[in-house]
N, C-alpha and C. Protein backbone atom coordinates (compact mmCIF):
# COMPACT_ATOMS: atom_id res chain seq x y z
N TRP A 1 92.03 115.26 -136.14
CA TRP A 1 91.94 116.09 -136.50
C TRP A 1 91.55 116.39 -138.26
N ARG A 2 92.82 115.41 -138.65
CA ARG A 2 92.44 115.17 -140.44
C ARG A 2 91.22 115.08 -140.58
N GLY A 3 91.27 115.93 -141.85
CA GLY A 3 89.45 115.61 -142.20
C GLY A 3 88.56 116.68 -141.29
N GLY A 4 89.12 116.96 -140.47
CA GLY A 4 87.69 117.64 -139.65
C GLY A 4 87.31 119.24 -140.39
N LYS A 5 86.26 119.70 -139.89
CA LYS A 5 85.81 121.16 -140.30
C LYS A 5 85.83 121.61 -139.22
N SER A 6 86.61 123.24 -139.80
CA SER A 6 86.63 123.99 -138.71
C SER A 6 85.41 124.94 -138.43
N GLU A 7 84.62 124.96 -139.43
CA GLU A 7 83.27 125.40 -139.56
C GLU A 7 82.71 125.02 -138.31
N ILE A 8 82.60 123.64 -138.08
CA ILE A 8 82.22 122.68 -136.37
C ILE A 8 82.10 123.45 -135.34
N PHE A 9 83.48 123.58 -135.01
CA PHE A 9 83.88 124.72 -134.21
C PHE A 9 83.62 125.99 -133.38
N GLU A 10 83.45 126.31 -135.34
CA GLU A 10 83.38 128.44 -134.54
C GLU A 10 81.55 128.30 -134.87
N ALA A 11 81.00 127.04 -135.21
CA ALA A 11 79.45 127.11 -134.98
C ALA A 11 79.52 126.15 -133.31
N LEU A 12 79.84 125.97 -132.72
CA LEU A 12 80.20 125.74 -131.26
C LEU A 12 80.06 126.86 -130.48
N ASP A 13 81.44 127.75 -131.33
CA ASP A 13 81.37 128.77 -130.47
C ASP A 13 80.59 129.85 -130.26
N SER A 14 79.73 130.15 -131.52
CA SER A 14 78.54 131.13 -131.80
C SER A 14 77.16 130.14 -130.73
N ASP A 15 77.36 129.25 -130.42
CA ASP A 15 75.41 128.67 -130.27
C ASP A 15 75.73 128.07 -128.62
N LEU A 16 77.16 128.26 -128.14
CA LEU A 16 77.46 128.04 -126.89
C LEU A 16 78.12 128.76 -126.55
N GLY A 17 78.00 130.00 -126.90
CA GLY A 17 78.70 131.33 -126.11
C GLY A 17 79.97 131.30 -124.44
N GLU A 18 79.17 129.85 -123.77
CA GLU A 18 79.96 130.30 -122.68
C GLU A 18 81.17 129.58 -122.60
N LEU A 19 81.43 128.50 -123.75
CA LEU A 19 83.09 127.68 -123.46
C LEU A 19 84.27 128.87 -123.41
N THR A 20 85.07 128.48 -123.20
CA THR A 20 85.91 128.59 -122.80
C THR A 20 87.39 128.72 -124.01
N LYS A 21 87.48 129.60 -124.71
CA LYS A 21 88.37 128.90 -126.07
C LYS A 21 89.64 128.65 -125.66
N GLN A 22 90.46 127.62 -125.40
CA GLN A 22 91.76 127.42 -125.76
C GLN A 22 93.12 127.05 -126.47
N PRO A 23 93.90 127.68 -126.86
CA PRO A 23 94.62 127.52 -128.09
C PRO A 23 95.30 126.58 -128.17
N LEU A 24 95.47 125.73 -128.71
CA LEU A 24 95.96 124.69 -129.35
C LEU A 24 97.17 124.59 -129.78
N ASN A 25 97.96 125.28 -129.84
CA ASN A 25 99.07 125.70 -130.67
C ASN A 25 100.45 125.83 -130.07
N ARG A 26 100.40 125.17 -128.88
CA ARG A 26 101.57 124.40 -128.18
C ARG A 26 102.00 122.84 -128.47
N SER A 27 103.25 122.47 -128.94
CA SER A 27 103.34 121.34 -129.50
C SER A 27 104.12 120.65 -128.32
N TYR A 28 103.94 119.65 -128.18
CA TYR A 28 104.21 118.77 -126.44
C TYR A 28 104.78 117.18 -127.37
N ARG A 29 105.00 117.18 -129.16
CA ARG A 29 105.83 116.07 -129.22
C ARG A 29 106.72 116.72 -130.35
N SER A 30 106.81 118.05 -130.67
CA SER A 30 107.84 118.45 -131.99
C SER A 30 108.84 119.06 -131.54
N SER A 31 109.44 118.71 -132.13
CA SER A 31 111.23 120.06 -131.83
C SER A 31 110.84 121.29 -132.78
N GLN A 32 112.07 122.45 -132.21
CA GLN A 32 111.86 123.54 -132.48
C GLN A 32 111.80 123.73 -134.12
N PRO A 33 113.18 122.55 -134.48
CA PRO A 33 112.93 122.89 -136.29
C PRO A 33 111.62 122.65 -136.86
N VAL A 34 111.02 121.66 -136.26
CA VAL A 34 109.53 121.16 -136.83
C VAL A 34 108.32 122.24 -136.81
N ILE A 35 108.77 122.69 -135.40
CA ILE A 35 107.94 123.78 -135.41
C ILE A 35 108.05 125.00 -136.36
N ASP A 36 109.16 125.36 -136.35
CA ASP A 36 109.95 126.95 -137.12
C ASP A 36 109.13 126.27 -138.56
N VAL A 37 108.97 124.86 -138.95
CA VAL A 37 108.91 124.91 -140.66
C VAL A 37 106.89 124.99 -140.47
N VAL A 38 106.84 124.65 -139.66
CA VAL A 38 105.16 124.47 -139.61
C VAL A 38 104.72 126.01 -139.37
N ASN A 39 105.46 126.96 -138.88
CA ASN A 39 105.16 128.58 -138.84
C ASN A 39 105.18 128.93 -140.06
N ARG A 40 106.47 128.73 -140.99
CA ARG A 40 107.00 128.99 -142.11
C ARG A 40 105.92 129.13 -143.29
N VAL A 41 105.65 127.22 -143.32
CA VAL A 41 104.96 127.14 -144.33
C VAL A 41 103.05 127.70 -143.89
N PHE A 42 102.67 127.26 -142.96
CA PHE A 42 101.47 128.17 -143.08
C PHE A 42 101.19 129.74 -142.88
N ARG A 43 102.38 130.66 -142.46
CA ARG A 43 101.97 131.59 -142.75
C ARG A 43 102.45 132.65 -143.74
N ASP A 44 103.25 131.64 -144.76
CA ASP A 44 103.95 132.03 -146.58
C ASP A 44 102.27 131.44 -147.33
N MET A 45 101.37 130.40 -146.68
CA MET A 45 100.45 129.90 -148.20
C MET A 45 100.48 130.62 -149.19
N THR A 46 100.22 131.91 -148.91
CA THR A 46 99.39 133.14 -149.96
C THR A 46 100.39 133.37 -150.61
N ARG A 47 101.22 132.77 -150.61
CA ARG A 47 102.82 132.98 -151.57
C ARG A 47 102.79 132.31 -152.97
N HIS A 48 101.98 131.17 -152.71
CA HIS A 48 101.93 130.06 -153.72
C HIS A 48 101.31 131.09 -154.81
N ASP A 49 101.55 130.14 -156.06
CA ASP A 49 101.42 130.93 -157.03
C ASP A 49 100.63 130.53 -158.10
N ASN A 50 99.75 128.93 -157.24
CA ASN A 50 99.07 128.56 -158.04
C ASN A 50 97.63 127.93 -156.89
N LEU A 51 97.23 129.13 -156.47
CA LEU A 51 96.07 129.12 -155.67
C LEU A 51 94.21 129.61 -156.33
N ASP A 52 94.65 129.99 -157.60
CA ASP A 52 93.34 130.12 -158.13
C ASP A 52 92.14 130.55 -157.29
N ARG A 53 91.06 129.73 -157.47
CA ARG A 53 89.91 129.53 -156.61
C ARG A 53 90.22 129.80 -155.16
N LEU A 54 90.67 128.92 -154.86
CA LEU A 54 91.28 128.63 -153.21
C LEU A 54 91.79 129.72 -152.45
N GLU A 55 92.27 130.99 -153.16
CA GLU A 55 92.92 132.08 -152.86
C GLU A 55 92.63 132.30 -151.09
N PRO A 56 91.05 132.93 -151.81
CA PRO A 56 90.45 133.47 -150.49
C PRO A 56 90.13 132.68 -149.29
N ALA A 57 89.68 131.75 -149.35
CA ALA A 57 89.89 130.36 -148.28
C ALA A 57 91.87 130.18 -147.79
N VAL A 58 92.32 130.34 -148.53
CA VAL A 58 93.95 130.18 -147.95
C VAL A 58 94.07 131.37 -147.39
N ARG A 59 93.76 132.32 -147.83
CA ARG A 59 94.37 134.03 -146.92
C ARG A 59 93.56 133.80 -145.49
N GLU A 60 92.64 133.49 -146.01
CA GLU A 60 91.65 133.78 -144.62
C GLU A 60 92.25 132.86 -143.47
N TRP A 61 92.74 131.68 -144.04
CA TRP A 61 92.91 130.79 -142.88
C TRP A 61 94.55 131.34 -142.51
N SER A 62 95.27 131.43 -143.64
CA SER A 62 96.62 131.75 -143.27
C SER A 62 96.47 133.11 -142.27
N GLU A 63 96.10 133.78 -143.11
CA GLU A 63 95.90 134.91 -141.94
C GLU A 63 94.97 134.69 -139.99
N ARG A 64 94.25 133.68 -140.10
CA ARG A 64 93.75 132.84 -138.77
C ARG A 64 95.34 132.15 -137.98
N PHE A 65 95.72 131.72 -138.68
CA PHE A 65 97.19 130.71 -138.01
C PHE A 65 97.75 130.91 -137.39
N PRO A 66 97.82 130.79 -136.20
CA PRO A 66 98.38 131.28 -134.64
C PRO A 66 99.79 130.81 -134.84
N GLU A 67 100.69 131.39 -133.98
CA GLU A 67 102.32 131.29 -134.65
C GLU A 67 102.06 130.28 -133.20
N HIS A 68 103.08 128.91 -133.90
CA HIS A 68 103.18 127.75 -132.84
C HIS A 68 104.61 127.83 -132.04
N THR A 69 104.14 127.33 -131.38
CA THR A 69 105.40 126.77 -129.89
C THR A 69 105.51 125.33 -129.52
N THR A 70 106.57 125.22 -128.98
CA THR A 70 106.63 123.90 -128.53
C THR A 70 107.49 123.76 -127.15
N ALA A 71 107.34 123.07 -126.62
CA ALA A 71 107.47 122.89 -124.78
C ALA A 71 108.80 122.12 -125.10
N LEU A 72 109.06 121.13 -126.12
CA LEU A 72 110.45 120.74 -126.77
C LEU A 72 111.57 122.03 -127.06
N ALA A 73 111.53 121.97 -126.54
CA ALA A 73 112.39 123.55 -127.53
C ALA A 73 114.08 123.00 -127.46
N GLU A 74 114.37 122.24 -126.42
CA GLU A 74 115.79 121.37 -126.67
C GLU A 74 116.10 120.53 -127.49
N LEU A 75 114.69 119.59 -127.95
CA LEU A 75 114.84 118.54 -128.69
C LEU A 75 115.29 119.00 -130.02
N PRO A 76 116.42 118.35 -130.06
CA PRO A 76 117.00 118.30 -131.53
C PRO A 76 115.79 117.58 -132.71
N GLY A 77 116.27 117.93 -134.03
CA GLY A 77 115.40 117.50 -135.00
C GLY A 77 115.63 118.52 -136.29
N TYR A 78 115.17 117.41 -137.27
CA TYR A 78 115.90 118.14 -138.59
C TYR A 78 114.29 118.01 -139.29
N VAL A 79 114.22 118.76 -140.76
CA VAL A 79 112.93 118.55 -141.13
C VAL A 79 113.78 119.29 -142.85
N GLU A 80 112.97 118.23 -143.57
CA GLU A 80 112.89 118.08 -145.09
C GLU A 80 111.63 117.98 -145.43
N LEU A 81 111.97 119.35 -146.62
CA LEU A 81 110.25 119.05 -147.03
C LEU A 81 110.52 118.87 -148.86
N HIS A 82 109.49 117.80 -149.11
CA HIS A 82 110.02 117.45 -150.86
C HIS A 82 108.47 117.01 -151.33
N THR A 83 108.92 117.50 -152.54
CA THR A 83 107.75 117.10 -153.43
C THR A 83 107.54 115.92 -154.35
N SER A 84 106.84 114.83 -154.64
CA SER A 84 107.03 113.82 -154.84
C SER A 84 106.66 114.28 -156.34
N PRO A 85 107.41 112.97 -157.19
CA PRO A 85 106.57 113.60 -159.00
C PRO A 85 105.41 112.89 -158.79
N GLU A 86 105.15 113.54 -160.55
CA GLU A 86 103.43 113.39 -160.41
C GLU A 86 103.73 111.86 -161.26
N ALA A 87 102.14 111.45 -160.92
CA ALA A 87 102.30 110.24 -161.72
C ALA A 87 101.99 110.06 -163.32
N ALA A 88 102.49 108.95 -164.07
CA ALA A 88 102.41 108.82 -165.45
C ALA A 88 101.17 108.76 -165.67
N GLU A 89 100.47 108.71 -167.17
CA GLU A 89 99.44 107.98 -167.64
C GLU A 89 99.01 107.00 -167.19
N GLY A 90 98.21 106.38 -166.92
CA GLY A 90 98.12 104.79 -166.22
C GLY A 90 98.58 104.32 -164.77
N GLU A 91 98.95 105.65 -163.75
CA GLU A 91 99.66 105.46 -162.61
C GLU A 91 98.84 105.67 -161.40
N ASN A 92 98.38 105.01 -160.63
CA ASN A 92 97.65 105.76 -159.14
C ASN A 92 98.78 106.55 -158.61
N ALA A 93 97.91 107.83 -158.70
CA ALA A 93 98.83 109.02 -157.64
C ALA A 93 99.14 108.93 -156.65
N THR A 94 98.11 108.03 -155.76
CA THR A 94 98.41 107.74 -154.95
C THR A 94 99.81 106.38 -154.43
N ASP A 95 99.25 105.85 -155.36
CA ASP A 95 100.47 104.75 -154.89
C ASP A 95 102.07 105.05 -155.59
N VAL A 96 102.19 105.77 -156.70
CA VAL A 96 103.22 106.74 -156.96
C VAL A 96 104.43 107.51 -155.97
N LYS A 97 102.79 108.30 -155.08
CA LYS A 97 103.86 108.83 -153.94
C LYS A 97 104.01 108.19 -153.04
N LEU A 98 103.16 107.20 -152.59
CA LEU A 98 103.46 106.11 -151.47
C LEU A 98 105.02 105.55 -151.55
N ALA A 99 105.10 105.34 -152.74
CA ALA A 99 106.17 104.34 -153.14
C ALA A 99 107.49 105.06 -152.81
N TRP A 100 107.36 106.21 -153.77
CA TRP A 100 108.26 107.34 -153.63
C TRP A 100 108.91 107.72 -152.27
N THR A 101 107.67 107.90 -151.53
CA THR A 101 108.07 108.40 -150.03
C THR A 101 108.97 107.26 -149.31
N ALA A 102 108.48 105.96 -149.61
CA ALA A 102 108.88 104.67 -148.64
C ALA A 102 110.25 105.11 -149.59
N GLU A 103 110.74 105.17 -150.45
CA GLU A 103 112.41 104.93 -151.14
C GLU A 103 113.39 106.28 -150.25
N ARG A 104 112.58 107.33 -149.93
CA ARG A 104 113.24 108.46 -149.82
C ARG A 104 113.03 107.91 -148.05
N VAL A 105 112.52 107.55 -147.07
CA VAL A 105 112.69 107.45 -146.20
C VAL A 105 113.33 106.09 -145.94
N LYS A 106 113.73 104.79 -146.58
CA LYS A 106 114.77 104.04 -146.55
C LYS A 106 116.29 104.77 -147.17
N GLU A 107 116.32 105.70 -147.47
CA GLU A 107 117.59 106.62 -147.66
C GLU A 107 117.76 107.41 -146.22
N MET A 108 116.74 107.81 -145.97
CA MET A 108 117.16 108.44 -144.38
C MET A 108 117.62 107.92 -143.30
N THR A 109 116.64 106.60 -143.52
CA THR A 109 117.59 105.41 -142.54
C THR A 109 118.65 104.97 -142.26
N GLN A 110 119.05 104.92 -143.35
CA GLN A 110 120.44 104.65 -143.84
C GLN A 110 121.69 106.03 -143.45
N TRP A 111 121.26 107.26 -143.34
CA TRP A 111 122.31 108.38 -142.94
C TRP A 111 121.82 108.71 -141.49
N ALA A 112 120.97 108.45 -141.17
CA ALA A 112 120.11 108.63 -139.87
C ALA A 112 119.74 107.50 -138.77
N ALA A 113 120.37 106.64 -138.88
CA ALA A 113 120.60 105.29 -137.99
C ALA A 113 120.82 105.43 -137.18
N GLY A 114 119.57 105.35 -136.00
CA GLY A 114 119.31 105.27 -134.77
C GLY A 114 118.53 106.45 -134.50
N TYR A 115 117.79 107.40 -135.38
CA TYR A 115 116.86 108.55 -135.34
C TYR A 115 115.69 107.40 -135.61
N SER A 116 114.73 108.55 -134.80
CA SER A 116 113.16 107.87 -135.39
C SER A 116 112.72 108.69 -136.53
N ILE A 117 111.74 108.42 -137.40
CA ILE A 117 111.13 109.40 -138.26
C ILE A 117 109.42 109.49 -138.08
N GLY A 118 109.46 110.50 -138.02
CA GLY A 118 108.04 110.47 -138.35
C GLY A 118 107.09 110.99 -139.70
N ILE A 119 106.67 110.24 -139.95
CA ILE A 119 105.57 110.56 -141.58
C ILE A 119 104.14 111.07 -141.22
N LEU A 120 103.67 112.36 -141.16
CA LEU A 120 102.66 112.70 -141.84
C LEU A 120 101.71 112.63 -142.35
N THR A 121 100.92 111.73 -142.70
CA THR A 121 99.77 111.52 -144.08
C THR A 121 98.78 112.50 -143.62
N ARG A 122 98.31 113.14 -145.22
CA ARG A 122 97.08 113.94 -145.16
C ARG A 122 95.75 112.90 -145.15
N ARG A 123 95.74 111.84 -145.22
CA ARG A 123 94.85 111.12 -145.00
C ARG A 123 95.07 109.80 -144.21
N ASN A 124 93.64 108.96 -143.47
CA ASN A 124 94.23 108.38 -142.24
C ASN A 124 94.78 106.40 -143.60
N ASP A 125 93.49 106.96 -144.12
CA ASP A 125 93.69 105.56 -144.85
C ASP A 125 94.64 105.16 -146.16
N THR A 126 96.28 106.18 -146.09
CA THR A 126 97.29 105.46 -146.90
C THR A 126 98.18 105.27 -145.86
N VAL A 127 97.95 105.14 -144.36
CA VAL A 127 98.73 105.04 -143.36
C VAL A 127 99.29 103.08 -143.92
N THR A 128 98.14 102.46 -143.88
CA THR A 128 98.57 100.94 -144.00
C THR A 128 98.52 100.74 -145.36
N GLN A 129 98.81 101.27 -146.47
CA GLN A 129 99.29 101.36 -147.54
C GLN A 129 100.73 102.15 -147.66
N LEU A 130 101.29 102.84 -146.96
CA LEU A 130 102.86 103.30 -146.58
C LEU A 130 103.44 102.42 -145.91
N ILE A 131 102.94 102.21 -144.70
CA ILE A 131 102.87 101.14 -143.77
C ILE A 131 103.48 99.72 -144.62
N HIS A 132 102.90 99.26 -145.73
CA HIS A 132 103.50 98.08 -146.61
C HIS A 132 104.39 98.44 -147.16
N GLU A 133 104.76 99.53 -147.89
CA GLU A 133 105.56 99.78 -148.93
C GLU A 133 106.73 100.25 -147.78
N LEU A 134 107.12 100.41 -146.88
CA LEU A 134 107.63 100.89 -146.08
C LEU A 134 108.82 99.09 -145.71
N ARG A 135 107.24 98.44 -145.29
CA ARG A 135 108.27 97.12 -145.05
C ARG A 135 108.59 96.18 -146.18
N GLN A 136 108.44 96.86 -147.07
CA GLN A 136 108.93 95.79 -148.65
C GLN A 136 110.05 96.40 -148.74
N ARG A 137 110.56 97.44 -148.22
CA ARG A 137 111.65 97.61 -148.55
C ARG A 137 112.22 97.44 -147.14
N ASP A 138 112.10 96.83 -146.57
CA ASP A 138 112.64 95.88 -145.03
C ASP A 138 112.72 97.18 -144.19
N VAL A 139 112.37 98.39 -144.25
CA VAL A 139 112.52 99.44 -143.34
C VAL A 139 111.27 99.32 -142.08
N PRO A 140 111.55 98.73 -140.62
CA PRO A 140 110.59 98.68 -139.91
C PRO A 140 109.75 99.86 -139.63
N ALA A 141 108.48 99.39 -139.21
CA ALA A 141 107.93 100.75 -139.50
C ALA A 141 106.51 100.37 -138.27
N SER A 142 105.91 101.36 -137.96
CA SER A 142 104.50 101.19 -137.27
C SER A 142 103.57 102.15 -137.57
N GLU A 143 102.06 101.86 -136.88
CA GLU A 143 100.68 102.89 -137.40
C GLU A 143 100.57 103.25 -135.65
N GLU A 144 100.99 104.17 -135.81
CA GLU A 144 100.88 104.87 -134.62
C GLU A 144 99.27 105.85 -134.21
N GLY A 145 98.25 105.34 -135.02
CA GLY A 145 97.09 105.70 -135.12
C GLY A 145 96.16 106.25 -136.54
N GLY A 146 94.93 106.02 -136.37
CA GLY A 146 94.22 106.57 -137.68
C GLY A 146 93.51 105.04 -138.11
N GLY A 147 94.22 104.38 -138.36
CA GLY A 147 93.72 103.06 -138.97
C GLY A 147 92.64 102.31 -138.28
N ARG A 148 91.73 102.01 -139.28
CA ARG A 148 91.13 100.80 -138.80
C ARG A 148 90.91 99.73 -138.96
N LEU A 149 90.55 98.60 -138.03
CA LEU A 149 90.76 97.34 -138.14
C LEU A 149 89.92 96.50 -139.78
N ASN A 150 89.21 96.62 -140.40
CA ASN A 150 88.99 96.57 -141.77
C ASN A 150 90.40 97.07 -142.69
N ASP A 151 91.33 98.07 -142.51
CA ASP A 151 92.23 98.42 -143.15
C ASP A 151 93.38 97.67 -143.24
N SER A 152 93.77 96.39 -142.37
CA SER A 152 95.04 95.39 -142.26
C SER A 152 94.88 94.85 -143.16
N PRO A 153 95.88 94.69 -143.87
CA PRO A 153 95.44 93.76 -144.92
C PRO A 153 95.46 92.03 -143.87
N ALA A 154 95.88 91.90 -142.94
CA ALA A 154 95.65 90.42 -142.32
C ALA A 154 94.34 90.49 -142.41
N THR A 155 93.38 91.51 -141.81
CA THR A 155 92.04 91.54 -141.33
C THR A 155 91.34 91.46 -142.89
N GLN A 156 91.86 91.92 -144.14
CA GLN A 156 90.87 91.81 -144.84
C GLN A 156 91.48 90.27 -146.12
N VAL A 157 92.25 89.70 -145.51
CA VAL A 157 92.56 88.40 -145.53
C VAL A 157 91.43 87.47 -145.07
N ILE A 158 91.30 87.45 -143.79
CA ILE A 158 89.93 86.93 -143.09
C ILE A 158 88.55 87.74 -143.73
N LEU A 159 88.58 88.74 -143.48
CA LEU A 159 87.19 88.97 -144.47
C LEU A 159 86.77 88.51 -145.68
């Protein structure tokens, strides 16, 4: 769904009125702490002080956002939200963010030994680069979807 267009679903609803709507607001992957943060972030998006021209769209989306729940309410979990530093002049912003993220994950693996750490990315094409950054720091990591065959460094060498 990453990068999807909600207008497609709205068009389906108007073009195919006989469809039965089913909400997708119950998670079968995430713990209650994760769902609590998701609900808080998306419910309070309009409180951001830098929405500018996006304010009407953010307000509409936030108002339509359904409260999410989880089937895994008893599953323990932990959430931290951070903002990466801005790239300096001449630096690539994505490179800076992914290197910073990999460093934070490396730190977390030291105090959260035995736990899994999930990282959500906005775009699939950053996953391979993030995996590379993690592995350079000796952090075991795997891709769980989103990548294309030609995203792999090994495939690039062959090509």
